[in-house]
Protein backbone atom coordinates (compact mmCIF):
# COMPACT_ATOMS: atom_id res chain seq x y z
CA UNK A 1 23.48 -13.87 21.82
CA UNK A 2 24.01 -16.31 18.72
CA UNK A 3 27.42 -15.55 16.99
CA UNK A 4 30.29 -16.44 14.59
CA UNK A 5 28.79 -17.78 11.40
CA UNK A 6 25.15 -18.57 13.34
CA UNK A 7 24.16 -15.29 12.50
CA UNK A 8 25.18 -15.24 9.40
CA UNK A 9 23.08 -18.31 8.96
CA UNK A 10 20.31 -17.68 10.72
CA UNK A 11 20.24 -14.30 8.39
CA UNK A 12 20.07 -15.98 5.29
CA UNK A 13 17.09 -18.89 6.71
CA UNK A 14 15.08 -15.69 7.48
CA UNK A 15 15.91 -14.26 3.71
CA UNK A 16 14.54 -17.57 2.10
CA UNK A 17 11.58 -18.27 4.33
CA UNK A 18 10.62 -14.84 3.80
CA UNK A 19 10.88 -15.20 -0.22
CA UNK A 20 9.35 -18.16 -0.50
CA UNK A 21 6.59 -16.37 1.78
CA UNK A 22 6.74 -13.60 -1.07
CA UNK A 23 5.89 -16.16 -3.20
CA UNK A 24 2.97 -17.14 -2.40
CA UNK A 25 -0.62 -15.81 -3.66
CA UNK A 26 -2.51 -13.30 -0.90
CA UNK A 27 -5.71 -14.35 -0.61
CA UNK A 28 -8.60 -11.03 -1.01
CA UNK A 29 -11.17 -9.79 1.52
CA UNK A 30 -13.63 -10.82 -0.40
CA UNK A 31 -12.90 -13.99 -1.08
CA UNK A 32 -11.49 -14.40 2.51
CA UNK A 33 -15.23 -13.55 3.05
CA UNK A 34 -16.61 -15.65 0.91
CA UNK A 35 -15.02 -19.09 2.20
CA UNK A 36 -15.58 -17.83 5.62
CA UNK A 37 -19.00 -17.79 5.58
CA UNK A 38 -18.77 -21.19 3.52
CA UNK A 39 -17.44 -22.67 6.06
CA UNK A 40 -19.74 -21.46 8.64
CA UNK A 41 -22.70 -22.68 6.41
CA UNK A 42 -21.04 -26.20 6.21
CA UNK A 43 -20.24 -25.92 10.23
CA UNK A 44 -24.16 -24.58 10.46
CA UNK A 45 -25.53 -27.89 9.01
CA UNK A 46 -23.38 -29.95 10.61
CA UNK A 47 -24.82 -28.75 13.99
CA UNK A 48 -27.94 -29.04 12.75
CA UNK A 49 -27.92 -32.46 10.91
CA UNK A 50 -26.56 -33.36 15.06
CA UNK A 51 -29.45 -31.56 16.54
CA UNK A 52 -31.72 -33.59 14.14
CA UNK A 53 -30.22 -37.12 15.53
CA UNK A 54 -30.00 -36.53 18.53
CA UNK A 55 -34.25 -35.25 19.08
CA UNK A 56 -34.33 -38.21 17.58
CA UNK A 57 -32.25 -40.57 19.81
CA UNK A 58 -34.20 -38.86 22.12
CA UNK A 59 -38.17 -39.39 20.57
CA UNK A 60 -37.07 -42.74 20.09
CA UNK A 61 -36.44 -43.23 23.90
CA UNK A 62 -32.32 -43.62 23.25
CA UNK A 63 -31.27 -40.82 24.77
CA UNK A 64 -30.20 -40.34 28.67
């Protein structure tokens, strides 16, 4: 259990942290969904590229 001014210091620290978080703009659900879809599209493109490289290496005889 915290004692003395440690409790007050922790309370002030928590208030500062909460105030800092309150200033940050919230991301709307629609923009979040768009961002997730864009991120997923990038990952799908990367995965497709890797698969093509792997297929090319296998076709060239370099695969194990």
